[in-house]
Amino acid sequence: MAKVFRVTPKRIKRVNGLVLTPDMVVVVTTQSHMLSPFNNGAKELKEVYMRIYGFDYQKANCTKSDFEVEVLG
């Protein structure tokens, strides 16, 4: 069963020419029942940020501590 999360950056982060801002909020649906969208290497989260904002999560060295996560369903 899939789970839905709202992921919000906590602060502005500038790394490797990329900028992550608190208004770059995304809604992520995981393929399996997980406690966090950061499980499974944050695969779904990386895909959503690239598709919506063209933001490379991995190149920016983002971690779980850079985000607030809210479970929607």
PDB file of N, CA and C in Angstrom:
ATOM      1  N   MET A   1       0.844  -1.178   0.000  1.00  0.00           N
ATOM      2  CA  MET A   1       0.000   0.000   0.000  1.00  0.00           C
ATOM      3  C   MET A   1       0.891   1.244   0.000  1.00  0.00           C
ATOM      4  N   ALA A   2       0.557   2.201  -0.839  1.00  0.00           N
ATOM      5  CA  ALA A   2       1.337   3.434  -0.972  1.00  0.00           C
ATOM      6  C   ALA A   2       1.049   4.388   0.183  1.00  0.00           C
ATOM      7  N   LYS A   3       1.989   5.279   0.425  1.00  0.00           N
ATOM      8  CA  LYS A   3       1.846   6.293   1.458  1.00  0.00           C
ATOM      9  C   LYS A   3       2.197   7.648   0.867  1.00  0.00           C
ATOM     10  N   VAL A   4       1.542   8.710   1.332  1.00  0.00           N
ATOM     11  CA  VAL A   4       1.729  10.054   0.775  1.00  0.00           C
ATOM     12  C   VAL A   4       2.327  10.973   1.836  1.00  0.00           C
ATOM     13  N   PHE A   5       3.330  11.755   1.423  1.00  0.00           N
ATOM     14  CA  PHE A   5       4.024  12.673   2.328  1.00  0.00           C
ATOM     15  C   PHE A   5       4.120  14.053   1.704  1.00  0.00           C
ATOM     16  N   ARG A   6       4.044  15.094   2.539  1.00  0.00           N
ATOM     17  CA  ARG A   6       4.356  16.466   2.113  1.00  0.00           C
ATOM     18  C   ARG A   6       5.739  16.775   2.672  1.00  0.00           C
ATOM     19  N   VAL A   7       6.665  17.136   1.780  1.00  0.00           N
ATOM     20  CA  VAL A   7       8.049  17.386   2.170  1.00  0.00           C
ATOM     21  C   VAL A   7       8.355  18.865   1.940  1.00  0.00           C
ATOM     22  N   THR A   8       8.800  19.544   3.009  1.00  0.00           N
ATOM     23  CA  THR A   8       9.082  20.973   2.967  1.00  0.00           C
ATOM     24  C   THR A   8      10.524  21.229   3.425  1.00  0.00           C
ATOM     25  N   PRO A   9      11.318  21.921   2.598  1.00  0.00           N
ATOM     26  CA  PRO A   9      12.681  22.278   3.041  1.00  0.00           C
ATOM     27  C   PRO A   9      12.616  23.210   4.254  1.00  0.00           C
ATOM     28  N   LYS A  10      13.517  23.026   5.222  1.00  0.00           N
ATOM     29  CA  LYS A  10      13.528  23.833   6.447  1.00  0.00           C
ATOM     30  C   LYS A  10      14.148  25.208   6.242  1.00  0.00           C
ATOM     31  N   ARG A  11      15.110  25.308   5.337  1.00  0.00           N
ATOM     32  CA  ARG A  11      15.849  26.567   5.178  1.00  0.00           C
ATOM     33  C   ARG A  11      16.377  26.671   3.751  1.00  0.00           C
ATOM     34  N   ILE A  12      16.929  27.809   3.418  1.00  0.00           N
ATOM     35  CA  ILE A  12      17.575  27.980   2.116  1.00  0.00           C
ATOM     36  C   ILE A  12      18.918  27.264   2.155  1.00  0.00           C
ATOM     37  N   LYS A  13      19.173  26.484   1.120  1.00  0.00           N
ATOM     38  CA  LYS A  13      20.433  25.745   1.038  1.00  0.00           C
ATOM     39  C   LYS A  13      21.029  25.983  -0.344  1.00  0.00           C
ATOM     40  N   ARG A  14      22.270  26.478  -0.378  1.00  0.00           N
ATOM     41  CA  ARG A  14      22.979  26.714  -1.637  1.00  0.00           C
ATOM     42  C   ARG A  14      24.213  25.816  -1.675  1.00  0.00           C
ATOM     43  N   VAL A  15      24.217  24.865  -2.614  1.00  0.00           N
ATOM     44  CA  VAL A  15      25.325  23.920  -2.744  1.00  0.00           C
ATOM     45  C   VAL A  15      25.530  23.588  -4.221  1.00  0.00           C
ATOM     46  N   ASN A  16      26.785  23.577  -4.661  1.00  0.00           N
ATOM     47  CA  ASN A  16      27.139  23.179  -6.024  1.00  0.00           C
ATOM     48  C   ASN A  16      26.322  23.901  -7.097  1.00  0.00           C
ATOM     49  N   GLY A  17      26.047  25.178  -6.883  1.00  0.00           N
ATOM     50  CA  GLY A  17      25.296  25.958  -7.866  1.00  0.00           C
ATOM     51  C   GLY A  17      23.798  25.700  -7.840  1.00  0.00           C
ATOM     52  N   LEU A  18      23.314  24.929  -6.886  1.00  0.00           N
ATOM     53  CA  LEU A  18      21.886  24.629  -6.758  1.00  0.00           C
ATOM     54  C   LEU A  18      21.335  25.350  -5.542  1.00  0.00           C
ATOM     55  N   VAL A  19      20.065  25.733  -5.616  1.00  0.00           N
ATOM     56  CA  VAL A  19      19.427  26.425  -4.494  1.00  0.00           C
ATOM     57  C   VAL A  19      18.136  25.698  -4.129  1.00  0.00           C
ATOM     58  N   LEU A  20      18.013  25.377  -2.849  1.00  0.00           N
ATOM     59  CA  LEU A  20      16.800  24.774  -2.303  1.00  0.00           C
ATOM     60  C   LEU A  20      16.183  25.796  -1.359  1.00  0.00           C
ATOM     61  N   THR A  21      14.908  26.132  -1.566  1.00  0.00           N
ATOM     62  CA  THR A  21      14.244  27.133  -0.732  1.00  0.00           C
ATOM     63  C   THR A  21      13.018  26.523  -0.040  1.00  0.00           C
ATOM     64  N   PRO A  22      12.573  27.145   1.063  1.00  0.00           N
ATOM     65  CA  PRO A  22      11.418  26.610   1.799  1.00  0.00           C
ATOM     66  C   PRO A  22      10.118  26.582   0.998  1.00  0.00           C
ATOM     67  N   ASP A  23      10.025  27.345  -0.107  1.00  0.00           N
ATOM     68  CA  ASP A  23       8.790  27.275  -0.889  1.00  0.00           C
ATOM     69  C   ASP A  23       8.803  26.147  -1.917  1.00  0.00           C
ATOM     70  N   MET A  24       9.843  25.336  -1.948  1.00  0.00           N
ATOM     71  CA  MET A  24       9.909  24.197  -2.875  1.00  0.00           C
ATOM     72  C   MET A  24       9.292  22.963  -2.209  1.00  0.00           C
ATOM     73  N   VAL A  25       7.996  23.056  -1.925  1.00  0.00           N
ATOM     74  CA  VAL A  25       7.260  21.992  -1.245  1.00  0.00           C
ATOM     75  C   VAL A  25       6.807  20.966  -2.284  1.00  0.00           C
ATOM     76  N   VAL A  26       6.938  19.687  -1.960  1.00  0.00           N
ATOM     77  CA  VAL A  26       6.477  18.633  -2.860  1.00  0.00           C
ATOM     78  C   VAL A  26       5.621  17.630  -2.097  1.00  0.00           C
ATOM     79  N   VAL A  27       4.770  16.941  -2.846  1.00  0.00           N
ATOM     80  CA  VAL A  27       3.987  15.839  -2.296  1.00  0.00           C
ATOM     81  C   VAL A  27       4.521  14.579  -2.956  1.00  0.00           C
ATOM     82  N   VAL A  28       4.954  13.620  -2.132  1.00  0.00           N
ATOM     83  CA  VAL A  28       5.597  12.399  -2.613  1.00  0.00           C
ATOM     84  C   VAL A  28       4.733  11.198  -2.255  1.00  0.00           C
ATOM     85  N   THR A  29       4.526  10.336  -3.238  1.00  0.00           N
ATOM     86  CA  THR A  29       3.838   9.074  -2.993  1.00  0.00           C
ATOM     87  C   THR A  29       4.852   7.957  -3.115  1.00  0.00           C
ATOM     88  N   THR A  30       5.028   7.189  -2.047  1.00  0.00           N
ATOM     89  CA  THR A  30       5.972   6.072  -2.094  1.00  0.00           C
ATOM     90  C   THR A  30       5.262   4.842  -2.639  1.00  0.00           C
ATOM     91  N   GLN A  31       6.023   3.943  -3.242  1.00  0.00           N
ATOM     92  CA  GLN A  31       5.438   2.755  -3.856  1.00  0.00           C
ATOM     93  C   GLN A  31       5.068   1.688  -2.842  1.00  0.00           C
ATOM     94  N   SER A  32       5.673   1.736  -1.686  1.00  0.00           N
ATOM     95  CA  SER A  32       5.354   0.755  -0.652  1.00  0.00           C
ATOM     96  C   SER A  32       5.110   1.480   0.668  1.00  0.00           C
ATOM     97  N   HIS A  33       4.585   0.771   1.624  1.00  0.00           N
ATOM     98  CA  HIS A  33       4.265   1.359   2.926  1.00  0.00           C
ATOM     99  C   HIS A  33       5.560   1.635   3.700  1.00  0.00           C
ATOM    100  N   MET A  34       5.973   2.892   3.753  1.00  0.00           N
ATOM    101  CA  MET A  34       7.207   3.286   4.434  1.00  0.00           C
ATOM    102  C   MET A  34       6.897   4.301   5.519  1.00  0.00           C
ATOM    103  N   LEU A  35       7.778   4.406   6.481  1.00  0.00           N
ATOM    104  CA  LEU A  35       7.613   5.394   7.537  1.00  0.00           C
ATOM    105  C   LEU A  35       8.129   6.767   7.119  1.00  0.00           C
ATOM    106  N   SER A  36       8.960   6.807   6.067  1.00  0.00           N
ATOM    107  CA  SER A  36       9.577   8.047   5.637  1.00  0.00           C
ATOM    108  C   SER A  36       9.865   7.984   4.135  1.00  0.00           C
ATOM    109  N   PRO A  37       9.755   9.122   3.414  1.00  0.00           N
ATOM    110  CA  PRO A  37      10.106   9.117   1.995  1.00  0.00           C
ATOM    111  C   PRO A  37      11.616   9.038   1.770  1.00  0.00           C
ATOM    112  N   PHE A  38      12.401   9.050   2.847  1.00  0.00           N
ATOM    113  CA  PHE A  38      13.857   8.974   2.738  1.00  0.00           C
ATOM    114  C   PHE A  38      14.349   7.526   2.750  1.00  0.00           C
ATOM    115  N   ASN A  39      13.460   6.589   3.048  1.00  0.00           N
ATOM    116  CA  ASN A  39      13.816   5.170   2.943  1.00  0.00           C
ATOM    117  C   ASN A  39      14.003   4.856   1.462  1.00  0.00           C
ATOM    118  N   ASN A  40      14.632   3.734   1.166  1.00  0.00           N
ATOM    119  CA  ASN A  40      14.856   3.323  -0.219  1.00  0.00           C
ATOM    120  C   ASN A  40      15.710   4.343  -0.965  1.00  0.00           C
ATOM    121  N   GLY A  41      16.617   5.018  -0.269  1.00  0.00           N
ATOM    122  CA  GLY A  41      17.514   5.974  -0.918  1.00  0.00           C
ATOM    123  C   GLY A  41      16.827   7.232  -1.400  1.00  0.00           C
ATOM    124  N   ALA A  42      15.649   7.533  -0.893  1.00  0.00           N
ATOM    125  CA  ALA A  42      14.871   8.723  -1.272  1.00  0.00           C
ATOM    126  C   ALA A  42      14.596   8.763  -2.775  1.00  0.00           C
ATOM    127  N   LYS A  43      14.448   7.599  -3.384  1.00  0.00           N
ATOM    128  CA  LYS A  43      14.260   7.489  -4.835  1.00  0.00           C
ATOM    129  C   LYS A  43      13.084   8.324  -5.341  1.00  0.00           C
ATOM    130  N   GLU A  44      11.918   8.171  -4.738  1.00  0.00           N
ATOM    131  CA  GLU A  44      10.734   8.909  -5.174  1.00  0.00           C
ATOM    132  C   GLU A  44      10.901  10.407  -4.959  1.00  0.00           C
ATOM    133  N   LEU A  45      11.520  10.785  -3.845  1.00  0.00           N
ATOM    134  CA  LEU A  45      11.742  12.196  -3.538  1.00  0.00           C
ATOM    135  C   LEU A  45      12.666  12.842  -4.567  1.00  0.00           C
ATOM    136  N   LYS A  46      13.739  12.157  -4.925  1.00  0.00           N
ATOM    137  CA  LYS A  46      14.665  12.662  -5.943  1.00  0.00           C
ATOM    138  C   LYS A  46      13.952  12.877  -7.273  1.00  0.00           C
ATOM    139  N   GLU A  47      13.115  11.910  -7.662  1.00  0.00           N
ATOM    140  CA  GLU A  47      12.391  12.002  -8.931  1.00  0.00           C
ATOM    141  C   GLU A  47      11.427  13.180  -8.952  1.00  0.00           C
ATOM    142  N   VAL A  48      10.711  13.395  -7.850  1.00  0.00           N
ATOM    143  CA  VAL A  48       9.741  14.494  -7.783  1.00  0.00           C
ATOM    144  C   VAL A  48      10.443  15.850  -7.846  1.00  0.00           C
ATOM    145  N   TYR A  49      11.529  16.026  -7.105  1.00  0.00           N
ATOM    146  CA  TYR A  49      12.257  17.302  -7.145  1.00  0.00           C
ATOM    147  C   TYR A  49      12.844  17.575  -8.523  1.00  0.00           C
ATOM    148  N   MET A  50      13.325  16.558  -9.198  1.00  0.00           N
ATOM    149  CA  MET A  50      13.882  16.748 -10.539  1.00  0.00           C
ATOM    150  C   MET A  50      12.771  17.099 -11.525  1.00  0.00           C
ATOM    151  N   ARG A  51      11.637  16.410 -11.435  1.00  0.00           N
ATOM    152  CA  ARG A  51      10.542  16.628 -12.377  1.00  0.00           C
ATOM    153  C   ARG A  51       9.896  18.014 -12.197  1.00  0.00           C
ATOM    154  N   ILE A  52       9.653  18.419 -10.976  1.00  0.00           N
ATOM    155  CA  ILE A  52       8.945  19.679 -10.729  1.00  0.00           C
ATOM    156  C   ILE A  52       9.864  20.896 -10.787  1.00  0.00           C
ATOM    157  N   TYR A  53      11.025  20.824 -10.129  1.00  0.00           N
ATOM    158  CA  TYR A  53      11.893  21.991  -9.988  1.00  0.00           C
ATOM    159  C   TYR A  53      13.207  21.905 -10.759  1.00  0.00           C
ATOM    160  N   GLY A  54      13.516  20.755 -11.351  1.00  0.00           N
ATOM    161  CA  GLY A  54      14.813  20.586 -11.994  1.00  0.00           C
ATOM    162  C   GLY A  54      15.946  20.637 -10.977  1.00  0.00           C
ATOM    163  N   PHE A  55      15.633  20.254  -9.755  1.00  0.00           N
ATOM    164  CA  PHE A  55      16.582  20.307  -8.644  1.00  0.00           C
ATOM    165  C   PHE A  55      17.180  18.922  -8.432  1.00  0.00           C
ATOM    166  N   ASP A  56      18.503  18.822  -8.463  1.00  0.00           N
ATOM    167  CA  ASP A  56      19.197  17.548  -8.280  1.00  0.00           C
ATOM    168  C   ASP A  56      19.491  17.337  -6.797  1.00  0.00           C
ATOM    169  N   TYR A  57      18.631  16.591  -6.148  1.00  0.00           N
ATOM    170  CA  TYR A  57      18.703  16.306  -4.709  1.00  0.00           C
ATOM    171  C   TYR A  57      20.064  15.722  -4.328  1.00  0.00           C
ATOM    172  N   GLN A  58      20.556  14.801  -5.135  1.00  0.00           N
ATOM    173  CA  GLN A  58      21.810  14.121  -4.822  1.00  0.00           C
ATOM    174  C   GLN A  58      23.014  15.048  -5.001  1.00  0.00           C
ATOM    175  N   LYS A  59      23.027  15.842  -6.058  1.00  0.00           N
ATOM    176  CA  LYS A  59      24.142  16.760  -6.312  1.00  0.00           C
ATOM    177  C   LYS A  59      24.232  17.837  -5.231  1.00  0.00           C
ATOM    178  N   ALA A  60      23.080  18.192  -4.655  1.00  0.00           N
ATOM    179  CA  ALA A  60      23.039  19.215  -3.607  1.00  0.00           C
ATOM    180  C   ALA A  60      23.359  18.641  -2.224  1.00  0.00           C
ATOM    181  N   ASN A  61      23.663  17.354  -2.165  1.00  0.00           N
ATOM    182  CA  ASN A  61      24.004  16.697  -0.892  1.00  0.00           C
ATOM    183  C   ASN A  61      22.932  16.895   0.177  1.00  0.00           C
ATOM    184  N   CYS A  62      21.679  16.764  -0.193  1.00  0.00           N
ATOM    185  CA  CYS A  62      20.585  16.918   0.765  1.00  0.00           C
ATOM    186  C   CYS A  62      20.494  15.697   1.674  1.00  0.00           C
ATOM    187  N   THR A  63      20.027  15.946   2.880  1.00  0.00           N
ATOM    188  CA  THR A  63      19.813  14.878   3.851  1.00  0.00           C
ATOM    189  C   THR A  63      18.434  15.036   4.472  1.00  0.00           C
ATOM    190  N   LYS A  64      18.040  14.056   5.222  1.00  0.00           N
ATOM    191  CA  LYS A  64      16.738  14.073   5.895  1.00  0.00           C
ATOM    192  C   LYS A  64      16.594  15.288   6.802  1.00  0.00           C
ATOM    193  N   SER A  65      17.687  15.739   7.406  1.00  0.00           N
ATOM    194  CA  SER A  65      17.631  16.866   8.341  1.00  0.00           C
ATOM    195  C   SER A  65      17.363  18.200   7.650  1.00  0.00           C
ATOM    196  N   ASP A  66      17.447  18.254   6.321  1.00  0.00           N
ATOM    197  CA  ASP A  66      17.155  19.483   5.576  1.00  0.00           C
ATOM    198  C   ASP A  66      15.663  19.694   5.356  1.00  0.00           C
ATOM    199  N   PHE A  67      14.833  18.706   5.722  1.00  0.00           N
ATOM    200  CA  PHE A  67      13.404  18.735   5.375  1.00  0.00           C
ATOM    201  C   PHE A  67      12.521  18.461   6.577  1.00  0.00           C
ATOM    202  N   GLU A  68      11.290  18.977   6.502  1.00  0.00           N
ATOM    203  CA  GLU A  68      10.219  18.612   7.427  1.00  0.00           C
ATOM    204  C   GLU A  68       9.280  17.714   6.651  1.00  0.00           C
ATOM    205  N   VAL A  69       8.845  16.625   7.263  1.00  0.00           N
ATOM    206  CA  VAL A  69       7.997  15.660   6.579  1.00  0.00           C
ATOM    207  C   VAL A  69       6.661  15.542   7.321  1.00  0.00           C
ATOM    208  N   GLU A  70       5.578  15.621   6.562  1.00  0.00           N
ATOM    209  CA  GLU A  70       4.243  15.473   7.114  1.00  0.00           C
ATOM    210  C   GLU A  70       3.557  14.317   6.398  1.00  0.00           C
ATOM    211  N   VAL A  71       3.004  13.399   7.142  1.00  0.00           N
ATOM    212  CA  VAL A  71       2.292  12.262   6.548  1.00  0.00           C
ATOM    213  C   VAL A  71       0.876  12.705   6.195  1.00  0.00           C
ATOM    214  N   LEU A  72       0.496  12.514   4.925  1.00  0.00           N
ATOM    215  CA  LEU A  72      -0.830  12.902   4.477  1.00  0.00           C
ATOM    216  C   LEU A  72      -1.777  11.703   4.382  1.00  0.00           C
ATOM    217  N   GLY A  73      -1.236  10.551   4.157  1.00  0.00           N
ATOM    218  CA  GLY A  73      -2.129   9.392   4.057  1.00  0.00           C
ATOM    219  C   GLY A  73      -1.414   8.115   3.814  1.00  0.00           C
TER     220      GLY A  73
END
